[in-house]
Amino acid sequence: MPCDDVAIMLPSSLGWIALVRQGNLLQRLTFGHRDPMRAVAALNLDAWIDAEVFETPAADSLGGRLQAFAEGVHVDFSEVEVDLRDRTPLHRRVIAHCRRIPCGQTLSYGELAAQAGAPGAARAVGNIMAANRVPLVVPCHRVVAASGHNVGYSAGEGVRTKLRLLEMEALAVA
């Protein structure tokens, strides 16, 4: 494993955040944990045993920007490179289109499927969003059911966290 692998743990208003980067590629991100040990456990760090672990990111680093986002600041993560090497072409297209959903707006799973060139694949898009390894950077919280209801979210306290994120973003862009 290259020596530029980094695991970061940091507190935030959304609970503890942990992430793993390999070089410039973001591998995993988790948030909403009560303590740093739960955040690290959620990363499955066994695969990242050689990673440097620290908790004090610079304000302009990804960690610092995640903390600012958790405080309700509008933060653009579009330049963050995400590792999608092991993903299918459909998965890559869905992720790319999800990352283009503007802050404070939502799309339905079906709308996102259509934008990704797979009309009728709303269920597949739901599965891709459920398997999102880097929430917030890939803003899966902005994808909702066709009815407009929030039917699930895997981070933090589930749908409650999803609603909180959408409310924070609505305020940030208002």
C-alpha atoms as a PDB file:
ATOM      1  CA  MET A   1       0.000   0.000   0.000  1.00  0.00           C
ATOM      2  CA  PRO A   2       1.470   3.424  -0.925  1.00  0.00           C
ATOM      3  CA  CYS A   3       2.634   5.629   1.915  1.00  0.00           C
ATOM      4  CA  ASP A   4       0.266   8.405   0.854  1.00  0.00           C
ATOM      5  CA  ASP A   5      -2.755   6.528   2.246  1.00  0.00           C
ATOM      6  CA  VAL A   6      -4.425   8.650   4.899  1.00  0.00           C
ATOM      7  CA  ALA A   7      -7.274   7.971   7.311  1.00  0.00           C
ATOM      8  CA  ILE A   8      -8.792  11.006   8.989  1.00  0.00           C
ATOM      9  CA  MET A   9     -11.112  11.126  12.010  1.00  0.00           C
ATOM     10  CA  LEU A  10     -12.664  14.374  13.140  1.00  0.00           C
ATOM     11  CA  PRO A  11     -15.566  15.651  15.208  1.00  0.00           C
ATOM     12  CA  SER A  12     -18.373  17.608  13.580  1.00  0.00           C
ATOM     13  CA  SER A  13     -21.882  18.868  14.212  1.00  0.00           C
ATOM     14  CA  LEU A  14     -23.051  15.785  12.310  1.00  0.00           C
ATOM     15  CA  GLY A  15     -21.164  13.431  14.630  1.00  0.00           C
ATOM     16  CA  TRP A  16     -17.722  11.944  14.130  1.00  0.00           C
ATOM     17  CA  ILE A  17     -16.508  11.790  10.537  1.00  0.00           C
ATOM     18  CA  ALA A  18     -13.919   9.345   9.266  1.00  0.00           C
ATOM     19  CA  LEU A  19     -12.500   9.056   5.784  1.00  0.00           C
ATOM     20  CA  VAL A  20      -9.803   7.214   3.906  1.00  0.00           C
ATOM     21  CA  ARG A  21      -7.882   8.620   0.963  1.00  0.00           C
ATOM     22  CA  GLN A  22      -5.424   6.788  -1.247  1.00  0.00           C
ATOM     23  CA  GLY A  23      -3.351   9.506  -2.825  1.00  0.00           C
ATOM     24  CA  ASN A  24      -5.822  11.970  -4.321  1.00  0.00           C
ATOM     25  CA  LEU A  25      -8.662   9.429  -4.461  1.00  0.00           C
ATOM     26  CA  LEU A  26     -11.294   9.395  -1.740  1.00  0.00           C
ATOM     27  CA  GLN A  27     -11.962   5.749  -0.915  1.00  0.00           C
ATOM     28  CA  ARG A  28     -14.488   5.854   1.924  1.00  0.00           C
ATOM     29  CA  LEU A  29     -16.294   8.402   4.066  1.00  0.00           C
ATOM     30  CA  THR A  30     -18.576   7.871   7.011  1.00  0.00           C
ATOM     31  CA  PHE A  31     -20.226  10.321   9.401  1.00  0.00           C
ATOM     32  CA  GLY A  32     -22.810  10.602  12.124  1.00  0.00           C
ATOM     33  CA  HIS A  33     -21.000   8.485  14.711  1.00  0.00           C
ATOM     34  CA  ARG A  34     -21.145   9.090  18.484  1.00  0.00           C
ATOM     35  CA  ASP A  35     -17.414   8.607  18.986  1.00  0.00           C
ATOM     36  CA  PRO A  36     -14.232   8.225  16.925  1.00  0.00           C
ATOM     37  CA  MET A  37     -13.975   4.486  17.538  1.00  0.00           C
ATOM     38  CA  ARG A  38     -17.369   3.869  15.924  1.00  0.00           C
ATOM     39  CA  ALA A  39     -16.388   6.064  12.991  1.00  0.00           C
ATOM     40  CA  VAL A  40     -13.169   4.117  12.471  1.00  0.00           C
ATOM     41  CA  ALA A  41     -14.983   0.797  12.853  1.00  0.00           C
ATOM     42  CA  ALA A  42     -17.408   1.854  10.105  1.00  0.00           C
ATOM     43  CA  LEU A  43     -14.451   2.345   7.738  1.00  0.00           C
ATOM     44  CA  ASN A  44     -13.233  -1.246   8.148  1.00  0.00           C
ATOM     45  CA  LEU A  45      -9.671   0.005   8.577  1.00  0.00           C
ATOM     46  CA  ASP A  46      -8.171  -3.490   8.518  1.00  0.00           C
ATOM     47  CA  ALA A  47      -7.606  -2.883   4.838  1.00  0.00           C
ATOM     48  CA  TRP A  48      -5.879   0.418   5.636  1.00  0.00           C
ATOM     49  CA  ILE A  49      -3.516  -0.733   8.352  1.00  0.00           C
ATOM     50  CA  ASP A  50      -0.616   1.340   6.969  1.00  0.00           C
ATOM     51  CA  ALA A  51      -2.627   4.553   6.785  1.00  0.00           C
ATOM     52  CA  GLU A  52      -1.611   7.565   8.825  1.00  0.00           C
ATOM     53  CA  VAL A  53      -4.450   8.517  11.192  1.00  0.00           C
ATOM     54  CA  PHE A  54      -4.943  12.054  12.449  1.00  0.00           C
ATOM     55  CA  GLU A  55      -7.701  14.342  13.710  1.00  0.00           C
ATOM     56  CA  THR A  56      -6.641  17.926  12.979  1.00  0.00           C
ATOM     57  CA  PRO A  57      -7.235  18.787   9.334  1.00  0.00           C
ATOM     58  CA  ALA A  58      -6.374  22.198   7.950  1.00  0.00           C
ATOM     59  CA  ALA A  59      -9.368  24.447   7.331  1.00  0.00           C
ATOM     60  CA  ASP A  60      -8.889  24.202   3.554  1.00  0.00           C
ATOM     61  CA  SER A  61      -8.487  20.413   3.518  1.00  0.00           C
ATOM     62  CA  LEU A  62     -11.295  17.982   2.794  1.00  0.00           C
ATOM     63  CA  GLY A  63     -11.660  17.303   6.524  1.00  0.00           C
ATOM     64  CA  GLY A  64     -11.932  21.005   7.299  1.00  0.00           C
ATOM     65  CA  ARG A  65     -14.488  21.506   4.537  1.00  0.00           C
ATOM     66  CA  LEU A  66     -16.525  18.558   5.821  1.00  0.00           C
ATOM     67  CA  GLN A  67     -16.569  20.186   9.260  1.00  0.00           C
ATOM     68  CA  ALA A  68     -17.704  23.477   7.691  1.00  0.00           C
ATOM     69  CA  PHE A  69     -20.442  21.641   5.769  1.00  0.00           C
ATOM     70  CA  ALA A  70     -21.599  20.067   9.038  1.00  0.00           C
ATOM     71  CA  GLU A  71     -21.963  23.603  10.434  1.00  0.00           C
ATOM     72  CA  GLY A  72     -24.297  24.529   7.572  1.00  0.00           C
ATOM     73  CA  VAL A  73     -21.794  26.248   5.287  1.00  0.00           C
ATOM     74  CA  HIS A  74     -22.361  25.699   1.557  1.00  0.00           C
ATOM     75  CA  VAL A  75     -19.340  23.669   0.449  1.00  0.00           C
ATOM     76  CA  ASP A  76     -18.644  22.455  -3.083  1.00  0.00           C
ATOM     77  CA  PHE A  77     -17.081  18.984  -3.161  1.00  0.00           C
ATOM     78  CA  SER A  78     -17.161  18.653  -6.965  1.00  0.00           C
ATOM     79  CA  GLU A  79     -13.367  18.663  -7.333  1.00  0.00           C
ATOM     80  CA  VAL A  80     -12.876  15.827  -4.831  1.00  0.00           C
ATOM     81  CA  GLU A  81     -11.759  12.762  -6.767  1.00  0.00           C
ATOM     82  CA  VAL A  82     -13.649   9.623  -5.784  1.00  0.00           C
ATOM     83  CA  ASP A  83     -12.306   6.135  -6.442  1.00  0.00           C
ATOM     84  CA  LEU A  84     -14.755   4.464  -8.823  1.00  0.00           C
ATOM     85  CA  ARG A  85     -12.296   2.063 -10.450  1.00  0.00           C
ATOM     86  CA  ASP A  86     -14.207  -1.021  -9.301  1.00  0.00           C
ATOM     87  CA  ARG A  87     -17.637   0.316 -10.288  1.00  0.00           C
ATOM     88  CA  THR A  88     -19.728  -0.484 -13.351  1.00  0.00           C
ATOM     89  CA  PRO A  89     -20.292   2.066 -16.121  1.00  0.00           C
ATOM     90  CA  LEU A  90     -23.884   2.598 -14.909  1.00  0.00           C
ATOM     91  CA  HIS A  91     -22.662   3.142 -11.360  1.00  0.00           C
ATOM     92  CA  ARG A  92     -20.132   5.743 -12.589  1.00  0.00           C
ATOM     93  CA  ARG A  93     -22.770   7.593 -14.610  1.00  0.00           C
ATOM     94  CA  VAL A  94     -25.227   7.624 -11.693  1.00  0.00           C
ATOM     95  CA  ILE A  95     -22.532   8.934  -9.333  1.00  0.00           C
ATOM     96  CA  ALA A  96     -21.488  11.616 -11.841  1.00  0.00           C
ATOM     97  CA  HIS A  97     -25.066  12.828 -12.249  1.00  0.00           C
ATOM     98  CA  CYS A  98     -25.763  12.661  -8.513  1.00  0.00           C
ATOM     99  CA  ARG A  99     -22.740  14.890  -7.893  1.00  0.00           C
ATOM    100  CA  ARG A 100     -24.294  17.485 -10.245  1.00  0.00           C
ATOM    101  CA  ILE A 101     -27.504  17.839  -8.212  1.00  0.00           C
ATOM    102  CA  PRO A 102     -27.297  21.409  -6.906  1.00  0.00           C
ATOM    103  CA  CYS A 103     -27.142  22.058  -3.191  1.00  0.00           C
ATOM    104  CA  GLY A 104     -30.655  22.538  -1.822  1.00  0.00           C
ATOM    105  CA  GLN A 105     -32.326  20.588  -4.630  1.00  0.00           C
ATOM    106  CA  THR A 106     -33.442  16.984  -5.021  1.00  0.00           C
ATOM    107  CA  LEU A 107     -34.090  14.480  -7.783  1.00  0.00           C
ATOM    108  CA  SER A 108     -36.123  11.311  -7.665  1.00  0.00           C
ATOM    109  CA  TYR A 109     -34.434   7.954  -8.191  1.00  0.00           C
ATOM    110  CA  GLY A 110     -36.218   7.715 -11.550  1.00  0.00           C
ATOM    111  CA  GLU A 111     -35.100  11.185 -12.636  1.00  0.00           C
ATOM    112  CA  LEU A 112     -31.512  10.355 -11.728  1.00  0.00           C
ATOM    113  CA  ALA A 113     -31.777   7.061 -13.624  1.00  0.00           C
ATOM    114  CA  ALA A 114     -33.025   8.906 -16.721  1.00  0.00           C
ATOM    115  CA  GLN A 115     -30.235  11.492 -16.486  1.00  0.00           C
ATOM    116  CA  ALA A 116     -27.702   8.656 -16.252  1.00  0.00           C
ATOM    117  CA  GLY A 117     -29.070   7.136 -19.460  1.00  0.00           C
ATOM    118  CA  ALA A 118     -31.009   4.325 -17.799  1.00  0.00           C
ATOM    119  CA  PRO A 119     -34.689   5.301 -17.768  1.00  0.00           C
ATOM    120  CA  GLY A 120     -36.713   2.808 -15.797  1.00  0.00           C
ATOM    121  CA  ALA A 121     -33.762   1.865 -13.584  1.00  0.00           C
ATOM    122  CA  ALA A 122     -34.938   3.690 -10.456  1.00  0.00           C
ATOM    123  CA  ARG A 123     -34.462   0.582  -8.319  1.00  0.00           C
ATOM    124  CA  ALA A 124     -30.882   0.136  -9.558  1.00  0.00           C
ATOM    125  CA  VAL A 125     -30.202   3.787  -8.749  1.00  0.00           C
ATOM    126  CA  GLY A 126     -31.615   3.216  -5.268  1.00  0.00           C
ATOM    127  CA  ASN A 127     -29.203   0.333  -4.797  1.00  0.00           C
ATOM    128  CA  ILE A 128     -26.294   2.436  -6.031  1.00  0.00           C
ATOM    129  CA  MET A 129     -27.206   5.236  -3.632  1.00  0.00           C
ATOM    130  CA  ALA A 130     -27.572   2.752  -0.748  1.00  0.00           C
ATOM    131  CA  ALA A 131     -24.040   1.478  -1.478  1.00  0.00           C
ATOM    132  CA  ASN A 132     -22.535   4.980  -1.648  1.00  0.00           C
ATOM    133  CA  ARG A 133     -19.119   4.784   0.024  1.00  0.00           C
ATOM    134  CA  VAL A 134     -18.625   8.544   0.181  1.00  0.00           C
ATOM    135  CA  PRO A 135     -21.815  10.297   1.328  1.00  0.00           C
ATOM    136  CA  LEU A 136     -21.776  14.116   1.367  1.00  0.00           C
ATOM    137  CA  VAL A 137     -19.142  14.155  -1.400  1.00  0.00           C
ATOM    138  CA  VAL A 138     -21.556  12.088  -3.488  1.00  0.00           C
ATOM    139  CA  PRO A 139     -24.728  13.747  -2.148  1.00  0.00           C
ATOM    140  CA  CYS A 140     -27.066  10.752  -2.140  1.00  0.00           C
ATOM    141  CA  HIS A 141     -29.188  12.583   0.446  1.00  0.00           C
ATOM    142  CA  ARG A 142     -30.445  14.712  -2.470  1.00  0.00           C
ATOM    143  CA  VAL A 143     -32.099  11.683  -4.099  1.00  0.00           C
ATOM    144  CA  VAL A 144     -35.666  10.989  -2.975  1.00  0.00           C
ATOM    145  CA  ALA A 145     -38.591   8.752  -3.890  1.00  0.00           C
ATOM    146  CA  ALA A 146     -40.853   9.854  -6.750  1.00  0.00           C
ATOM    147  CA  SER A 147     -43.481  10.695  -4.151  1.00  0.00           C
ATOM    148  CA  GLY A 148     -41.057  13.189  -2.609  1.00  0.00           C
ATOM    149  CA  HIS A 149     -40.802  11.134   0.558  1.00  0.00           C
ATOM    150  CA  ASN A 150     -37.487  10.223   2.077  1.00  0.00           C
ATOM    151  CA  VAL A 151     -37.466   6.455   2.137  1.00  0.00           C
ATOM    152  CA  GLY A 152     -34.027   5.676   3.493  1.00  0.00           C
ATOM    153  CA  TYR A 153     -30.546   6.841   4.292  1.00  0.00           C
ATOM    154  CA  SER A 154     -27.640   4.795   5.560  1.00  0.00           C
ATOM    155  CA  ALA A 155     -25.679   7.459   7.453  1.00  0.00           C
ATOM    156  CA  GLY A 156     -26.165   8.806  10.949  1.00  0.00           C
ATOM    157  CA  GLU A 157     -29.717   8.385  12.145  1.00  0.00           C
ATOM    158  CA  GLY A 158     -31.078   7.374   8.751  1.00  0.00           C
ATOM    159  CA  VAL A 159     -33.955   9.404   7.307  1.00  0.00           C
ATOM    160  CA  ARG A 160     -33.692  11.879  10.181  1.00  0.00           C
ATOM    161  CA  THR A 161     -30.111  12.685   9.098  1.00  0.00           C
ATOM    162  CA  LYS A 162     -31.191  12.935   5.454  1.00  0.00           C
ATOM    163  CA  LEU A 163     -33.888  15.465   6.370  1.00  0.00           C
ATOM    164  CA  ARG A 164     -31.408  17.434   8.479  1.00  0.00           C
ATOM    165  CA  LEU A 165     -28.950  17.602   5.565  1.00  0.00           C
ATOM    166  CA  LEU A 166     -31.655  18.783   3.171  1.00  0.00           C
ATOM    167  CA  GLU A 167     -32.813  21.440   5.670  1.00  0.00           C
ATOM    168  CA  MET A 168     -29.231  22.624   6.216  1.00  0.00           C
ATOM    169  CA  GLU A 169     -28.685  22.931   2.474  1.00  0.00           C
ATOM    170  CA  ALA A 170     -31.948  24.799   1.947  1.00  0.00           C
ATOM    171  CA  LEU A 171     -30.830  27.358   4.529  1.00  0.00           C
ATOM    172  CA  ALA A 172     -27.313  27.559   3.082  1.00  0.00           C
ATOM    173  CA  VAL A 173     -28.563  28.500  -0.397  1.00  0.00           C
ATOM    174  CA  ALA A 174     -31.436  30.737   0.750  1.00  0.00           C
END
